Amino acid sequence: MPDLVTHFAGAYLVNRVWKIGRGAVIFYLGAMLPDLITRPLHILYPRLLPATLGLHSPAGVFLACWLISLFFRSDQRRPVFWLLFSGSLLHFLMDAAQKHLSGGYLWLFPFSSRRISVGFIWPEDSTRFLPVTLLIVLLVFAVSRWRERRRTDDGGTI
């Protein structure tokens, strides 16, 4: 699986293209959410892995996003839910590129127990490429800041 930094970097790059705006932090959280709700359990209680596999699926994350959105004001719940869930879908898209010894993730849980994986990279490859990933994010950040500054210096508004 890509690490949390890689998931955050992917969400940041998507945000630079789609300009999510004020909800970007919620979108970033959504991009890390599937790992945040399952990995601590796997680390602390490895025997729970089979019981938590459903949480790392679109259906499991859908429920988690819905529950989290209930902690927000009623007028914010729908946008918070969709930002969290769309970030989680990006997470799953990034995870789909992984190779697995066990066959992949339960993308169709609870409707199917079939494990699916595309299999381009090994899970640990994301940490090996982390310096390159961070460099790309820093370059995108620097260029976007430079463009914003240039626009304001030319008299334009942001």
Protein backbone atom coordinates (compact mmCIF):
# COMPACT_ATOMS: atom_id res chain seq x y z
CA MET A 1 0.00 0.00 0.00
CA PRO A 2 1.20 3.51 -0.54
CA ASP A 3 2.20 5.07 2.74
CA LEU A 4 0.21 7.92 4.31
CA VAL A 5 2.59 10.56 2.95
CA THR A 6 2.12 9.22 -0.58
CA HIS A 7 -1.67 9.22 -0.15
CA PHE A 8 -1.50 12.80 1.13
CA ALA A 9 0.76 13.79 -1.79
CA GLY A 10 -1.66 12.26 -4.28
CA ALA A 11 -4.57 14.14 -2.69
CA TYR A 12 -2.55 17.36 -2.75
CA LEU A 13 -1.83 16.97 -6.46
CA VAL A 14 -5.51 16.23 -7.19
CA ASN A 15 -6.46 19.32 -5.19
CA ARG A 16 -4.07 21.45 -7.28
CA VAL A 17 -5.91 20.34 -10.42
CA TRP A 18 -9.52 20.39 -9.16
CA LYS A 19 -9.09 23.29 -6.69
CA ILE A 20 -11.21 21.85 -3.91
CA GLY A 21 -10.81 25.00 -1.81
CA ARG A 22 -11.73 25.24 1.86
CA GLY A 23 -12.59 21.55 2.09
CA ALA A 24 -9.13 20.42 1.02
CA VAL A 25 -8.14 19.35 4.54
CA ILE A 26 -11.19 17.08 4.74
CA PHE A 27 -10.31 15.67 1.30
CA TYR A 28 -6.73 15.01 2.50
CA LEU A 29 -8.07 13.24 5.58
CA GLY A 30 -10.32 11.12 3.35
CA ALA A 31 -7.32 10.13 1.25
CA MET A 32 -5.68 8.69 4.36
CA LEU A 33 -8.84 7.48 6.13
CA PRO A 34 -8.90 3.81 5.02
CA ASP A 35 -5.42 3.28 6.47
CA LEU A 36 -6.11 5.39 9.56
CA ILE A 37 -9.09 3.24 10.54
CA THR A 38 -7.49 -0.14 9.81
CA ARG A 39 -3.70 0.01 10.23
CA PRO A 40 -3.62 0.82 13.97
CA LEU A 41 -5.77 -2.26 14.59
CA HIS A 42 -3.47 -4.40 12.42
CA ILE A 43 -0.40 -3.15 14.28
CA LEU A 44 -1.81 -3.48 17.79
CA TYR A 45 -3.86 -6.64 17.21
CA PRO A 46 -2.54 -8.55 14.15
CA ARG A 47 -5.08 -11.34 14.69
CA LEU A 48 -7.90 -8.86 13.87
CA LEU A 49 -6.76 -8.56 10.24
CA PRO A 50 -9.48 -10.83 8.80
CA ALA A 51 -12.16 -9.00 10.81
CA THR A 52 -11.04 -5.54 9.65
CA LEU A 53 -10.63 -6.24 5.93
CA GLY A 54 -14.13 -4.93 5.28
CA LEU A 55 -13.20 -1.55 6.76
CA HIS A 56 -10.61 -1.11 3.99
CA SER A 57 -13.27 -1.30 1.29
CA PRO A 58 -15.57 1.28 -0.29
CA ALA A 59 -18.54 0.01 1.75
CA GLY A 60 -16.63 0.13 5.04
CA VAL A 61 -15.24 3.58 4.33
CA PHE A 62 -18.67 4.79 3.19
CA LEU A 63 -19.97 3.99 6.67
CA ALA A 64 -16.95 5.57 8.35
CA CYS A 65 -17.35 8.78 6.30
CA TRP A 66 -21.03 8.90 7.17
CA LEU A 67 -20.30 8.46 10.89
CA ILE A 68 -17.56 11.11 10.84
CA SER A 69 -19.81 13.57 8.99
CA LEU A 70 -22.35 13.30 11.82
CA PHE A 71 -19.89 15.18 14.06
CA PHE A 72 -20.32 18.30 11.90
CA ARG A 73 -23.11 20.87 11.78
CA SER A 74 -26.13 19.71 9.80
CA ASP A 75 -25.42 22.13 6.94
CA GLN A 76 -21.84 20.80 6.66
CA ARG A 77 -22.55 17.08 6.82
CA ARG A 78 -23.19 16.45 3.12
CA PRO A 79 -20.08 18.30 1.83
CA VAL A 80 -17.91 16.76 4.57
CA PHE A 81 -19.18 13.29 3.71
CA TRP A 82 -18.50 13.72 -0.02
CA LEU A 83 -15.05 15.23 0.54
CA LEU A 84 -14.08 12.37 2.87
CA PHE A 85 -15.53 9.73 0.58
CA SER A 86 -13.98 11.15 -2.60
CA GLY A 87 -10.60 11.31 -0.84
CA SER A 88 -11.09 7.67 0.18
CA LEU A 89 -11.91 6.71 -3.40
CA LEU A 90 -8.63 8.34 -4.45
CA HIS A 91 -6.96 6.23 -1.77
CA PHE A 92 -8.47 3.07 -3.25
CA LEU A 93 -7.44 4.12 -6.75
CA MET A 94 -3.85 4.49 -5.55
CA ASP A 95 -4.02 1.17 -3.69
CA ALA A 96 -5.31 -0.57 -6.81
CA ALA A 97 -1.87 -0.24 -8.39
CA GLN A 98 -0.33 -2.60 -5.84
CA LYS A 99 0.78 -6.17 -6.22
CA HIS A 100 -0.36 -8.52 -3.45
CA LEU A 101 0.74 -11.89 -2.23
CA SER A 102 -2.76 -12.47 -0.87
CA GLY A 103 -4.60 -11.38 -4.02
CA GLY A 104 -5.62 -7.80 -3.26
CA TYR A 105 -8.36 -5.89 -1.51
CA LEU A 106 -12.03 -6.68 -1.04
CA TRP A 107 -13.29 -3.86 -3.30
CA LEU A 108 -16.77 -5.38 -3.60
CA PHE A 109 -17.28 -6.22 0.09
CA PRO A 110 -19.91 -7.17 1.35
CA PHE A 111 -21.30 -8.28 -2.01
CA SER A 112 -18.28 -10.40 -2.94
CA SER A 113 -15.24 -11.84 -1.20
CA ARG A 114 -13.24 -11.72 -4.42
CA ARG A 115 -9.89 -9.96 -3.99
CA ILE A 116 -8.94 -7.53 -6.76
CA SER A 117 -5.57 -5.99 -7.61
CA VAL A 118 -4.09 -4.42 -10.75
CA GLY A 119 -0.54 -5.14 -9.64
CA PHE A 120 1.88 -2.51 -10.97
CA ILE A 121 4.04 -1.90 -7.87
CA TRP A 122 4.93 -3.67 -4.64
CA PRO A 123 3.63 -2.01 -1.46
CA GLU A 124 7.09 -1.07 -0.20
CA ASP A 125 7.93 0.72 -3.48
CA SER A 126 6.02 3.81 -2.35
CA THR A 127 8.52 4.38 0.48
CA ARG A 128 11.43 3.85 -1.90
CA PHE A 129 10.04 6.52 -4.23
CA LEU A 130 9.00 8.83 -1.39
CA PRO A 131 11.83 11.36 -1.98
CA VAL A 132 10.78 11.69 -5.63
CA THR A 133 7.12 12.01 -4.62
CA LEU A 134 7.94 14.75 -2.12
CA LEU A 135 10.09 16.55 -4.69
CA ILE A 136 7.20 16.55 -7.18
CA VAL A 137 4.83 17.92 -4.52
CA LEU A 138 7.33 20.62 -3.54
CA LEU A 139 7.80 21.63 -7.18
CA VAL A 140 4.03 21.82 -7.76
CA PHE A 141 3.66 23.83 -4.56
CA ALA A 142 6.48 26.23 -5.48
CA VAL A 143 5.21 26.76 -9.04
CA SER A 144 1.65 27.36 -7.85
CA ARG A 145 2.87 29.90 -5.26
CA TRP A 146 5.00 31.63 -7.88
CA ARG A 147 2.03 31.83 -10.27
CA GLU A 148 -0.24 33.22 -7.54
CA ARG A 149 2.34 35.86 -6.58
CA ARG A 150 2.87 36.80 -10.20
CA ARG A 151 -0.87 37.18 -10.72
CA THR A 152 -1.24 39.49 -7.71
CA ASP A 153 1.83 41.53 -8.77
CA ASP A 154 0.25 42.06 -12.20
CA GLY A 155 -2.80 43.61 -10.54
CA GLY A 156 -5.02 40.58 -10.89
CA THR A 157 -7.06 39.15 -8.09
CA ILE A 158 -7.05 35.66 -6.77
